[in-house]
Amino acid sequence: MNYDKYYKLCRDQYKDTKPAIESFYSDPVRTIPGEVFSDKVMDTLKSISVLIKEQFDSGLYTDPIMPKHGDIWQYRKEIEIICEVLVPYLEKERYGCHLYVDKVYIYRTKKIKNRTSSYQWHYDNNPNEIVKTIIYLNNVDENNSPFEYFVDNQEKGVLGKCTRMGTDCWYAAPAGSRADNIVAESLIKGTHKSIRLLGPLGTACSFNNNSIHRANPVEKGYRDVINIRVKPTLISPPTYISPLWTTSFEKSGVVNQDPELSWCGAQDGR
């Protein structure tokens, strides 16, 4: 079964509001309205931002391209508070089905000389039903590595060619899912442009993982981010995140080829 079919089954089972399924695919990048995050969530983001900055500043987690936090579970309570607001919002306003969190990443972007890795235009090439939400842990302007995404003339995000769709279709993406040439050609033609996400701590953007996007190198300052990835599920999980089914950088970012192996399968050891 491919993820699109499984997603439709999940929507059929869901008893709350169901946004138009067409908009899920046609509007793949959306900023999260500021009022979605409660005062409790904002206070949580402010408190963990200080701790995470201290850890990255100390050199505890180092990487020449993008330092990656090695222990998201020391912030389990804080991540749960964020997910208890973010995930229901995505369920009702974006998906129209139950979700669970399969990935949480915390990282810092850097000042680099040559664009490489996530600093290049790319897409993730997981099934189109996988959505990430990045949340800034500090104020971000043009100088400190804003998230940037590629849009058409209606300012809708543009999807790369997905080649991992599920059990019926699963193979490597063309050009390793890098999209610098595609973007450059479209920008020259004037048919497309890019948008940079700027804003204070707590600014958030939810995007289909196959939206063409990139990070920008830091010129001044720093940028710390928490990135929360969700997947559709037929059965609502007892909690949105858990060490039983939520991982970080210690595991591959490629989702399971079989969409039916959701949090239930992970809990059962499958």
Protein backbone atom coordinates (compact mmCIF):
# COMPACT_ATOMS: atom_id res chain seq x y z
CA MET A 1 0.00 0.00 0.00
CA ASN A 2 1.22 3.50 -0.79
CA TYR A 3 0.98 6.37 1.66
CA ASP A 4 -1.68 8.28 -0.28
CA LYS A 5 -4.11 5.36 -0.02
CA TYR A 6 -3.32 4.87 3.66
CA TYR A 7 -3.81 8.59 4.31
CA LYS A 8 -7.29 8.44 2.75
CA LEU A 9 -8.15 5.50 5.01
CA CYS A 10 -6.99 7.52 8.01
CA ARG A 11 -9.22 10.43 6.95
CA ASP A 12 -12.20 8.11 6.59
CA GLN A 13 -11.73 6.93 10.19
CA TYR A 14 -11.32 10.44 11.62
CA LYS A 15 -14.41 11.96 13.26
CA ASP A 16 -13.37 15.61 13.57
CA THR A 17 -13.07 18.34 10.92
CA LYS A 18 -11.58 17.35 7.57
CA PRO A 19 -10.04 20.07 5.40
CA ALA A 20 -10.29 19.54 1.64
CA ILE A 21 -7.85 16.81 0.69
CA GLU A 22 -6.82 18.74 -2.44
CA SER A 23 -5.43 21.59 -0.34
CA PHE A 24 -3.20 19.17 1.55
CA TYR A 25 -1.21 18.59 -1.64
CA SER A 26 -1.70 21.91 -3.45
CA ASP A 27 -0.64 24.14 -0.55
CA PRO A 28 2.39 22.32 0.83
CA VAL A 29 4.08 25.11 2.84
CA ARG A 30 2.19 27.04 5.51
CA THR A 31 3.25 29.28 8.34
CA ILE A 32 1.67 28.51 11.70
CA PRO A 33 -0.43 31.47 12.91
CA GLY A 34 1.07 33.04 16.01
CA GLU A 35 -2.11 32.60 18.03
CA VAL A 36 -1.89 28.78 17.72
CA PHE A 37 0.86 28.59 20.32
CA SER A 38 -0.47 29.23 23.81
CA ASP A 39 1.37 31.25 26.45
CA LYS A 40 2.44 27.92 27.97
CA VAL A 41 4.00 26.80 24.68
CA MET A 42 5.77 30.13 24.19
CA ASP A 43 7.12 30.04 27.76
CA THR A 44 8.33 26.50 27.09
CA LEU A 45 10.07 27.53 23.88
CA LYS A 46 11.76 30.44 25.64
CA SER A 47 13.02 28.25 28.48
CA ILE A 48 14.43 25.46 26.31
CA SER A 49 15.93 27.94 23.86
CA VAL A 50 18.26 29.18 26.62
CA LEU A 51 19.35 25.66 27.56
CA ILE A 52 19.85 24.54 23.98
CA LYS A 53 21.86 27.68 23.16
CA GLU A 54 24.13 27.00 26.13
CA GLN A 55 24.71 23.44 24.95
CA PHE A 56 25.54 24.42 21.38
CA ASP A 57 27.67 27.37 22.54
CA SER A 58 29.67 25.05 24.81
CA GLY A 59 30.67 22.82 21.91
CA LEU A 60 28.85 19.81 23.37
CA TYR A 61 27.50 18.99 19.91
CA THR A 62 29.82 19.77 17.03
CA ASP A 63 29.59 19.35 13.29
CA PRO A 64 31.30 21.42 10.57
CA ILE A 65 28.05 21.74 8.61
CA MET A 66 25.17 21.62 11.09
CA PRO A 67 25.56 20.69 14.80
CA LYS A 68 22.89 18.18 15.82
CA HIS A 69 21.55 17.75 19.33
CA GLY A 70 22.23 14.24 20.61
CA ASP A 71 19.56 13.81 23.29
CA ILE A 72 16.07 15.14 22.62
CA TRP A 73 14.70 13.17 25.59
CA GLN A 74 16.21 15.49 28.16
CA TYR A 75 13.51 17.86 26.90
CA ARG A 76 10.73 15.29 26.81
CA LYS A 77 8.33 17.28 28.98
CA GLU A 78 8.88 20.45 26.95
CA ILE A 79 8.47 18.67 23.59
CA GLU A 80 5.27 17.06 24.86
CA ILE A 81 3.88 20.50 25.74
CA ILE A 82 4.65 21.76 22.23
CA CYS A 83 3.21 18.66 20.54
CA GLU A 84 0.02 18.75 22.59
CA VAL A 85 -0.81 22.02 20.81
CA LEU A 86 0.90 21.62 17.44
CA VAL A 87 -0.25 18.10 16.51
CA PRO A 88 -4.01 18.62 17.11
CA TYR A 89 -3.75 21.81 15.06
CA LEU A 90 -2.22 19.85 12.17
CA GLU A 91 -4.82 17.12 12.54
CA LYS A 92 -7.75 19.51 12.26
CA GLU A 93 -6.40 22.22 9.99
CA ARG A 94 -4.14 20.32 7.61
CA TYR A 95 -4.60 16.56 7.55
CA GLY A 96 -8.07 15.67 8.79
CA CYS A 97 -6.79 12.50 10.45
CA HIS A 98 -4.93 11.20 13.50
CA LEU A 99 -1.19 11.85 13.65
CA TYR A 100 1.82 10.84 15.67
CA VAL A 101 5.34 12.28 15.89
CA ASP A 102 7.95 9.99 14.38
CA LYS A 103 10.88 12.44 14.37
CA VAL A 104 12.13 15.34 16.47
CA TYR A 105 15.32 17.13 15.44
CA ILE A 106 17.10 19.92 17.29
CA TYR A 107 19.96 21.55 15.42
CA ARG A 108 21.93 24.72 14.76
CA THR A 109 22.89 26.14 11.37
CA LYS A 110 26.35 27.61 10.83
CA LYS A 111 28.49 30.04 8.88
CA ILE A 112 29.94 28.06 5.97
CA LYS A 113 31.90 29.05 2.87
CA ASN A 114 30.31 26.75 0.32
CA ARG A 115 26.73 25.59 0.26
CA THR A 116 26.38 21.86 0.81
CA SER A 117 23.91 19.38 2.29
CA SER A 118 20.76 21.13 3.61
CA TYR A 119 22.12 24.52 2.52
CA GLN A 120 21.45 23.49 -1.09
CA TRP A 121 18.00 23.48 -2.67
CA HIS A 122 16.59 20.02 -2.00
CA TYR A 123 13.59 17.98 -0.94
CA ASP A 124 13.54 15.03 1.44
CA ASN A 125 11.94 12.40 -0.81
CA ASN A 126 9.79 10.73 1.77
CA PRO A 127 6.14 10.15 0.81
CA ASN A 128 4.12 13.31 0.24
CA GLU A 129 2.03 12.57 3.33
CA ILE A 130 4.96 13.34 5.65
CA VAL A 131 5.00 16.88 7.06
CA LYS A 132 7.65 18.71 9.09
CA THR A 133 7.22 21.78 11.26
CA ILE A 134 10.25 23.92 12.06
CA ILE A 135 10.09 26.22 15.06
CA TYR A 136 12.66 28.96 15.60
CA LEU A 137 14.31 29.00 19.03
CA ASN A 138 15.66 32.51 18.55
CA ASN A 139 14.88 35.60 16.49
CA VAL A 140 15.71 35.08 12.81
CA ASP A 141 16.36 37.75 10.20
CA GLU A 142 18.13 37.83 6.83
CA ASN A 143 21.52 37.49 8.50
CA ASN A 144 21.14 34.37 10.63
CA SER A 145 20.08 31.54 8.39
CA PRO A 146 16.38 31.90 7.55
CA PHE A 147 14.54 28.85 6.24
CA GLU A 148 13.82 29.41 2.55
CA TYR A 149 11.30 27.70 0.28
CA PHE A 150 10.60 27.72 -3.45
CA VAL A 151 7.17 28.91 -4.67
CA ASP A 152 5.23 29.35 -7.90
CA ASN A 153 3.63 32.58 -9.14
CA GLN A 154 0.77 32.09 -6.66
CA GLU A 155 3.26 31.74 -3.80
CA LYS A 156 2.41 28.08 -3.31
CA GLY A 157 5.25 25.76 -2.39
CA VAL A 158 6.66 23.57 -5.15
CA LEU A 159 7.13 19.83 -4.67
CA GLY A 160 10.08 17.83 -5.95
CA LYS A 161 9.54 14.50 -7.73
CA CYS A 162 8.73 11.98 -5.02
CA THR A 163 9.96 8.45 -5.73
CA ARG A 164 9.30 6.95 -2.32
CA MET A 165 5.54 6.50 -2.12
CA GLY A 166 5.12 3.20 -0.27
CA THR A 167 5.19 -0.54 -0.87
CA ASP A 168 4.14 -0.13 -4.53
CA CYS A 169 6.75 2.50 -5.41
CA TRP A 170 10.12 2.96 -3.74
CA TYR A 171 13.32 3.96 -5.53
CA ALA A 172 16.05 6.60 -5.41
CA ALA A 173 15.25 10.18 -6.39
CA PRO A 174 16.78 11.78 -9.48
CA ALA A 175 19.92 13.80 -8.70
CA GLY A 176 19.76 12.64 -5.10
CA SER A 177 16.73 14.95 -4.57
CA ARG A 178 18.94 18.01 -5.09
CA ALA A 179 17.14 20.83 -6.90
CA ASP A 180 19.63 23.70 -7.45
CA ASN A 181 19.34 23.44 -11.24
CA ILE A 182 15.52 23.33 -11.21
CA VAL A 183 15.34 26.42 -9.02
CA ALA A 184 17.97 28.35 -10.97
CA GLU A 185 16.22 27.76 -14.31
CA SER A 186 12.83 28.79 -12.93
CA LEU A 187 14.18 31.93 -11.29
CA ILE A 188 15.80 32.99 -14.56
CA LYS A 189 12.50 32.49 -16.41
CA GLY A 190 10.71 34.56 -13.77
CA THR A 191 7.99 31.95 -13.26
CA HIS A 192 8.93 31.24 -9.65
CA LYS A 193 10.57 32.86 -6.66
CA SER A 194 11.65 31.98 -3.15
CA ILE A 195 10.39 33.10 0.26
CA ARG A 196 12.49 33.38 3.39
CA LEU A 197 10.85 32.75 6.75
CA LEU A 198 11.73 35.63 9.09
CA GLY A 199 10.45 36.22 12.60
CA PRO A 200 10.95 36.08 16.36
CA LEU A 201 11.42 33.08 18.59
CA GLY A 202 8.39 30.79 18.14
CA THR A 203 7.97 31.51 14.43
CA ALA A 204 6.90 28.21 12.87
CA CYS A 205 6.42 26.80 9.40
CA SER A 206 4.74 23.51 8.51
CA PHE A 207 5.79 22.02 5.18
CA ASN A 208 5.38 18.89 3.13
CA ASN A 209 8.79 17.23 3.30
CA ASN A 210 9.01 17.25 -0.51
CA SER A 211 8.63 21.00 -0.75
CA ILE A 212 11.81 22.35 -2.31
CA HIS A 213 13.63 24.21 0.44
CA ARG A 214 17.00 25.04 1.96
CA ALA A 215 18.71 26.56 4.96
CA ASN A 216 20.88 29.64 4.49
CA PRO A 217 24.39 29.97 5.91
CA VAL A 218 24.70 32.20 8.96
CA GLU A 219 26.27 35.59 8.32
CA LYS A 220 25.88 36.98 11.85
CA GLY A 221 24.61 35.38 15.03
CA TYR A 222 23.14 31.88 15.12
CA ARG A 223 19.92 29.98 14.47
CA ASP A 224 18.63 27.11 16.63
CA VAL A 225 15.65 25.06 15.49
CA ILE A 226 13.35 22.32 16.69
CA ASN A 227 11.92 20.28 13.84
CA ILE A 228 8.88 18.04 14.48
CA ARG A 229 7.79 15.47 11.89
CA VAL A 230 4.37 13.80 11.85
CA LYS A 231 2.83 10.79 10.10
CA PRO A 232 -0.80 9.75 9.55
CA THR A 233 -2.19 6.89 11.64
CA LEU A 234 -5.51 5.05 11.71
CA ILE A 235 -5.48 4.82 15.50
CA SER A 236 -4.84 7.78 17.77
CA PRO A 237 -1.70 7.20 19.86
CA PRO A 238 -1.82 7.40 23.67
CA THR A 239 0.72 10.22 23.48
CA TYR A 240 2.03 12.05 20.43
CA ILE A 241 5.70 11.39 21.17
CA SER A 242 7.34 8.40 22.83
CA PRO A 243 10.80 6.74 22.79
CA LEU A 244 8.92 3.71 21.40
CA TRP A 245 8.18 5.41 18.08
CA THR A 246 9.84 8.85 18.03
CA THR A 247 13.51 9.07 17.04
CA SER A 248 16.01 11.76 16.13
CA PHE A 249 19.37 11.86 14.36
CA GLU A 250 20.39 8.45 15.72
CA LYS A 251 18.11 6.80 13.13
CA SER A 252 17.76 7.32 9.38
CA GLY A 253 15.36 10.00 8.28
CA VAL A 254 13.81 7.67 5.69
CA VAL A 255 10.34 6.55 6.79
CA ASN A 256 9.25 2.93 6.79
CA GLN A 257 8.25 1.84 3.30
CA ASP A 258 5.01 0.34 4.66
CA PRO A 259 2.64 3.10 5.88
CA GLU A 260 0.60 0.62 7.92
CA LEU A 261 3.55 0.12 10.28
CA SER A 262 2.70 3.13 12.40
CA TRP A 263 3.26 3.84 16.09
CA CYS A 264 1.33 0.64 16.91
CA GLY A 265 3.89 -1.47 15.06
CA ALA A 266 6.79 0.33 16.73
CA GLN A 267 5.19 -0.26 20.14
CA ASP A 268 4.88 -3.97 19.33
CA GLY A 269 8.52 -4.14 18.27
CA ARG A 270 7.84 -4.48 14.55
